[in-house]
Structures are given as C-alpha cells and as structure tokens.
Amino acid sequence: MSKSNFFRFERKNDFPFYSELQSPTLNLKSSLIFLIAVAVGFALFLVGFGGTYVQPFMNVIFPLAAVIFVARGHWTSLFRKLVAKDIVLILGTYIVNLIVTLGAGSIITKLFNVSANPVSEGFDGNFIEAIPTFLKMIPMLFGEELITILPFLVILSLGVQKLKLSRKSAVILAWIVASIIFGAYHLPTYNWNIAQAILGIGIARFVLLYPYIKTKNIWTSFIVHVLNDWTIFGFAFLSSMHH
C-alpha cells in the first residue's frame, strides 16, 4: 500500500479488516455478522430493551461481541493508545464540530420544520436528576461510535475488495455513507425529519469521523462525541434552569 493511497492528514497506521494485509479481512459472512450485530443492538436500544440501566449498553454489547467473534485476538485493533498530540486533535475537532453542529442546526431550523431532542426537553432544572442522563450518555455514545465505525469498515472493505476502488476513494465512500447511516439512526429521535437527521446530524458525524480516520483509534472520536453532546445538552440543561 503506497503512501499515495493515504491522505496527507492520516497517521501512518492503517484501518483493520479491509484488505489482505489487515488480518482478518472482512468477507461477505463477517461483514454480515458486523451489520446484523449493529442492527440488533440498535433495534434493542430503540425499543428500550433492559430498561434504564441496560438500554444504554445495547449498541456496545452486540457490535463489540461481533468484532470479538470475527476478529478473535485482533479485535483490539479498533482501539489504540491515546498519545499527547491527540489532545490537540480532540479539542480542535470538538470546536469545529460544535461550530458545524450549531451552524447546520440554525440553517436547517430556518429552512425546515424541526423537532426538539426529547433529552433536551426532559430537563427541568434539577441538577441531581440530570446527572444520570449525562452519565448514561457515556455508554450510549460509545455504542454510537461502534455502530458508525463498523459500517464504515464494512463499506471500506466492500469498496476495496468488490468495487475495486482505490483506498482513498473507498475511504471517502465509507466516510459519506457511514455519516448518512448515522444520521438515519436519529430519524426516530427527530420524528422522522429527514432534513434534520440526515443533513444536520449526518454533517456533524462527517466531522466526528475525522479523528477516527486520522488516528484509526475509536477513543479519539468517542471523546469528541462525549464533549460535543455534553456541551449541547449542558446548554439545554442550563436553559431549563431559567424557565
């Protein structure tokens, strides 16, 4: 894999599972296992399976089990050690993502009818009652990383192996499609508002995938995701205190 197949912004490590060099390589069967695990986890999460304490983990348990089942000892390739320069990357992406999220949100609000996020609506200014909501976001957002990054890796391997795309083209395809999929996950949250979910959330997810694509480390995009959502819902909580 020559350097020209990598984007300039990428670190010199590579994605797992997508080519003959990255063992184990995803085939049709293992790709389906990944996607079915994502779908099952998401469906159980959506119906509130397991109640208050178990539901936030649904998108973690099934996708992670699928990775461990398929990749055996290589399952840890989703995770890498955080290094000092990741701090700059995380903070930089967090700021850009907040600007993009708020900017896209205000444009979409002007152009379309939008629905409020039920979590934001659920705050009543009580700090103690709000704490569990913020803590539950940790496993929920880690699950959201898994159910975005696994389809990303499946599309990447499909692009390289079956569509015979160059690595760069396959990364771009996977980046766009995974962002759209992530937006689609939010359709039930926003009353099936396509503009709000696919455009608004999808654009924010496109930014949020950048640290993962740069580092191949799920921890980087996860930390940005937590900072981003805690900030947005933190503002929602603060405004609930003034009502």
Protein backbone atom coordinates (compact mmCIF):
# COMPACT_ATOMS: atom_id res chain seq x y z
CA MET A 1 0.00 0.00 0.00
CA SER A 2 1.91 3.06 -1.19
CA LYS A 3 1.93 6.42 0.56
CA SER A 4 -0.11 7.95 -2.26
CA ASN A 5 -3.05 5.78 -1.15
CA PHE A 6 -3.12 7.64 2.17
CA PHE A 7 -4.49 11.11 2.78
CA ARG A 8 -1.95 13.63 3.97
CA PHE A 9 -3.78 14.13 7.27
CA GLU A 10 -3.68 10.42 8.17
CA ARG A 11 -1.25 8.93 10.64
CA LYS A 12 0.84 6.16 9.14
CA ASN A 13 -1.17 3.31 10.64
CA ASP A 14 -3.99 1.63 8.76
CA PHE A 15 -7.60 0.57 9.21
CA PRO A 16 -8.25 -3.01 10.31
CA PHE A 17 -10.17 -5.70 8.37
CA TYR A 18 -10.38 -4.12 4.90
CA SER A 19 -7.58 -5.62 2.77
CA GLU A 20 -5.50 -8.77 2.52
CA LEU A 21 -2.79 -7.07 4.59
CA GLN A 22 -5.13 -6.35 7.51
CA SER A 23 -5.97 -9.67 9.12
CA PRO A 24 -8.60 -10.88 9.43
CA THR A 25 -10.04 -9.43 6.22
CA LEU A 26 -13.80 -8.93 6.19
CA ASN A 27 -15.57 -11.25 3.76
CA LEU A 28 -19.30 -11.34 3.00
CA LYS A 29 -20.06 -13.54 6.00
CA SER A 30 -18.10 -11.50 8.55
CA SER A 31 -19.41 -8.23 7.06
CA LEU A 32 -22.97 -9.53 7.54
CA ILE A 33 -22.18 -10.52 11.13
CA PHE A 34 -21.00 -6.94 11.78
CA LEU A 35 -24.09 -5.39 10.18
CA ILE A 36 -26.57 -7.78 11.84
CA ALA A 37 -24.97 -7.11 15.25
CA VAL A 38 -25.26 -3.36 14.64
CA ALA A 39 -28.92 -3.74 13.55
CA VAL A 40 -29.85 -5.98 16.52
CA GLY A 41 -28.10 -3.73 19.04
CA PHE A 42 -29.76 -0.65 17.60
CA ALA A 43 -33.21 -2.25 17.45
CA LEU A 44 -32.99 -3.35 21.11
CA PHE A 45 -31.74 0.09 22.09
CA LEU A 46 -34.62 1.72 20.20
CA VAL A 47 -37.31 -0.34 21.95
CA GLY A 48 -35.72 0.39 25.34
CA PHE A 49 -34.70 -3.22 26.00
CA GLY A 50 -33.43 -3.82 29.54
CA GLY A 51 -34.75 -0.57 30.97
CA THR A 52 -32.90 2.46 32.30
CA TYR A 53 -29.59 0.80 33.16
CA VAL A 54 -29.23 -1.85 30.45
CA GLN A 55 -30.58 0.01 27.39
CA PRO A 56 -27.58 2.41 27.06
CA PHE A 57 -25.28 -0.63 26.57
CA MET A 58 -27.21 -2.34 23.74
CA ASN A 59 -25.14 -0.69 20.98
CA VAL A 60 -21.97 -1.67 22.83
CA ILE A 61 -22.67 -5.31 23.68
CA PHE A 62 -23.76 -6.66 20.27
CA PRO A 63 -21.32 -4.83 17.94
CA LEU A 64 -18.36 -5.45 20.27
CA ALA A 65 -19.28 -9.15 20.58
CA ALA A 66 -19.38 -9.35 16.77
CA VAL A 67 -15.90 -7.82 16.47
CA ILE A 68 -14.50 -10.21 19.09
CA PHE A 69 -16.21 -13.18 17.35
CA VAL A 70 -14.95 -12.23 13.86
CA ALA A 71 -11.52 -10.82 14.67
CA ARG A 72 -10.62 -13.08 17.64
CA GLY A 73 -7.34 -11.75 19.02
CA HIS A 74 -7.33 -8.82 16.58
CA TRP A 75 -10.48 -7.22 18.00
CA THR A 76 -8.38 -4.65 19.87
CA SER A 77 -7.33 -3.09 16.55
CA LEU A 78 -10.29 -0.72 16.96
CA PHE A 79 -8.56 0.71 20.00
CA ARG A 80 -5.14 2.33 20.18
CA LYS A 81 -3.25 4.16 22.88
CA LEU A 82 -4.02 7.84 23.14
CA VAL A 83 -0.91 9.98 22.63
CA ALA A 84 -0.16 13.58 23.64
CA LYS A 85 -0.88 15.05 20.19
CA ASP A 86 -4.36 13.51 20.33
CA ILE A 87 -5.30 16.25 22.84
CA VAL A 88 -4.89 18.93 20.16
CA LEU A 89 -6.78 16.78 17.63
CA ILE A 90 -9.64 16.12 20.08
CA LEU A 91 -10.00 19.76 21.14
CA GLY A 92 -9.70 21.02 17.55
CA THR A 93 -12.34 18.58 16.26
CA TYR A 94 -14.58 19.37 19.23
CA ILE A 95 -14.53 23.12 18.43
CA VAL A 96 -15.05 22.57 14.67
CA ASN A 97 -17.82 20.05 15.34
CA LEU A 98 -19.64 22.41 17.71
CA ILE A 99 -19.48 25.21 15.11
CA VAL A 100 -20.68 22.85 12.35
CA THR A 101 -23.44 21.36 14.56
CA LEU A 102 -24.77 24.75 15.63
CA GLY A 103 -24.35 26.25 12.14
CA ALA A 104 -26.08 23.37 10.36
CA GLY A 105 -28.75 23.35 13.07
CA SER A 106 -29.57 27.05 12.65
CA ILE A 107 -29.71 26.78 8.82
CA ILE A 108 -31.96 23.69 8.94
CA THR A 109 -34.19 25.37 11.55
CA LYS A 110 -34.70 28.30 9.16
CA LEU A 111 -35.42 26.08 6.14
CA PHE A 112 -37.45 23.22 7.63
CA ASN A 113 -39.80 22.41 10.48
CA VAL A 114 -37.66 20.78 13.16
CA SER A 115 -38.29 18.65 16.24
CA ALA A 116 -36.61 19.12 19.60
CA ASN A 117 -34.44 16.34 21.02
CA PRO A 118 -36.50 14.61 23.75
CA VAL A 119 -33.45 14.57 26.06
CA SER A 120 -33.24 18.37 25.90
CA GLU A 121 -36.96 18.59 26.60
CA GLY A 122 -36.61 16.27 29.59
CA PHE A 123 -34.53 18.63 31.75
CA ASP A 124 -36.38 20.53 34.48
CA GLY A 125 -33.53 22.48 36.05
CA ASN A 126 -32.85 19.81 38.71
CA PHE A 127 -29.09 19.15 38.72
CA ILE A 128 -29.22 15.89 40.70
CA GLU A 129 -31.84 14.42 38.37
CA ALA A 130 -29.81 15.47 35.32
CA ILE A 131 -26.63 13.64 36.42
CA PRO A 132 -27.82 10.11 35.40
CA THR A 133 -28.77 11.48 31.95
CA PHE A 134 -25.21 12.73 31.39
CA LEU A 135 -23.65 9.52 32.78
CA LYS A 136 -25.86 7.33 30.54
CA MET A 137 -24.53 9.24 27.54
CA ILE A 138 -21.09 7.64 28.06
CA PRO A 139 -22.05 4.04 27.08
CA MET A 140 -24.66 5.35 24.61
CA LEU A 141 -22.12 7.46 22.74
CA PHE A 142 -19.52 4.70 22.79
CA GLY A 143 -22.19 2.47 21.23
CA GLU A 144 -22.87 5.17 18.62
CA GLU A 145 -19.17 5.10 17.70
CA LEU A 146 -19.29 1.31 17.23
CA ILE A 147 -22.49 1.37 15.13
CA THR A 148 -20.91 4.01 12.88
CA ILE A 149 -17.34 2.71 12.62
CA LEU A 150 -18.29 -0.94 11.94
CA PRO A 151 -20.42 0.01 8.89
CA PHE A 152 -17.56 2.35 7.88
CA LEU A 153 -15.13 -0.62 7.90
CA VAL A 154 -17.61 -2.86 6.05
CA ILE A 155 -18.09 -0.23 3.30
CA LEU A 156 -14.33 0.36 3.14
CA SER A 157 -13.65 -3.36 2.59
CA LEU A 158 -16.50 -3.61 0.09
CA GLY A 159 -15.09 -0.62 -1.80
CA VAL A 160 -11.55 -2.02 -1.96
CA GLN A 161 -12.32 -5.72 -2.48
CA LYS A 162 -15.52 -5.80 -4.54
CA LEU A 163 -15.80 -2.38 -6.19
CA LYS A 164 -12.01 -2.30 -6.82
CA LEU A 165 -11.82 1.31 -5.71
CA SER A 166 -8.54 2.89 -4.68
CA ARG A 167 -8.05 3.07 -0.92
CA LYS A 168 -8.66 6.84 -0.93
CA SER A 169 -11.90 6.54 -2.93
CA ALA A 170 -13.11 3.73 -0.67
CA VAL A 171 -12.36 5.82 2.44
CA ILE A 172 -14.37 8.76 1.02
CA LEU A 173 -17.28 6.46 0.09
CA ALA A 174 -17.27 4.84 3.55
CA TRP A 175 -16.95 8.26 5.23
CA ILE A 176 -20.01 9.65 3.42
CA VAL A 177 -22.21 6.52 3.68
CA ALA A 178 -21.38 5.95 7.38
CA SER A 179 -22.29 9.60 8.10
CA ILE A 180 -25.64 9.18 6.31
CA ILE A 181 -26.30 5.92 8.21
CA PHE A 182 -25.55 7.70 11.49
CA GLY A 183 -27.97 10.47 10.53
CA ALA A 184 -30.60 7.83 9.72
CA TYR A 185 -30.21 6.33 13.23
CA HIS A 186 -31.57 9.64 14.53
CA LEU A 187 -34.74 9.65 12.41
CA PRO A 188 -36.91 8.22 15.25
CA THR A 189 -35.44 10.80 17.67
CA TYR A 190 -36.46 13.70 15.45
CA ASN A 191 -39.92 12.48 14.34
CA TRP A 192 -38.61 11.12 11.03
CA ASN A 193 -37.47 14.57 9.96
CA ILE A 194 -35.12 13.66 7.09
CA ALA A 195 -33.51 17.10 6.75
CA GLN A 196 -32.79 17.31 10.46
CA ALA A 197 -31.48 13.75 10.88
CA ILE A 198 -29.67 13.06 7.59
CA LEU A 199 -28.40 16.57 6.88
CA GLY A 200 -27.98 18.05 10.35
CA ILE A 201 -26.75 15.01 12.24
CA GLY A 202 -25.05 13.49 9.16
CA ILE A 203 -22.90 16.60 8.59
CA ALA A 204 -21.86 16.67 12.26
CA ARG A 205 -20.99 12.95 12.04
CA PHE A 206 -18.84 13.62 8.96
CA VAL A 207 -16.71 15.94 11.11
CA LEU A 208 -16.82 13.48 14.01
CA LEU A 209 -15.39 10.66 11.87
CA TYR A 210 -12.31 12.75 11.04
CA PRO A 211 -10.35 11.91 14.24
CA TYR A 212 -11.06 8.19 13.76
CA ILE A 213 -9.95 8.28 10.12
CA LYS A 214 -6.83 10.23 11.07
CA THR A 215 -5.78 8.00 14.01
CA LYS A 216 -7.69 4.69 13.42
CA ASN A 217 -8.44 4.96 17.14
CA ILE A 218 -12.08 4.84 18.28
CA TRP A 219 -11.15 6.61 21.54
CA THR A 220 -10.44 9.89 19.72
CA SER A 221 -13.84 10.20 18.02
CA PHE A 222 -15.58 8.89 21.16
CA ILE A 223 -14.05 11.59 23.39
CA VAL A 224 -15.02 14.33 20.90
CA HIS A 225 -18.53 12.87 20.73
CA VAL A 226 -18.91 12.95 24.54
CA LEU A 227 -17.56 16.52 24.79
CA ASN A 228 -19.86 17.62 21.97
CA ASP A 229 -23.06 16.09 23.39
CA TRP A 230 -22.29 17.10 26.98
CA THR A 231 -21.84 20.68 25.78
CA ILE A 232 -25.05 20.78 23.71
CA PHE A 233 -27.16 19.08 26.39
CA GLY A 234 -25.37 21.13 29.06
CA PHE A 235 -26.70 24.28 27.36
CA ALA A 236 -30.16 22.68 27.22
CA PHE A 237 -29.94 21.90 30.95
CA LEU A 238 -28.80 25.45 31.81
CA SER A 239 -31.67 26.96 29.83
CA SER A 240 -34.10 24.64 31.69
CA MET A 241 -32.87 26.19 34.97
CA HIS A 242 -34.03 29.63 33.82
CA HIS A 243 -37.55 28.55 32.88
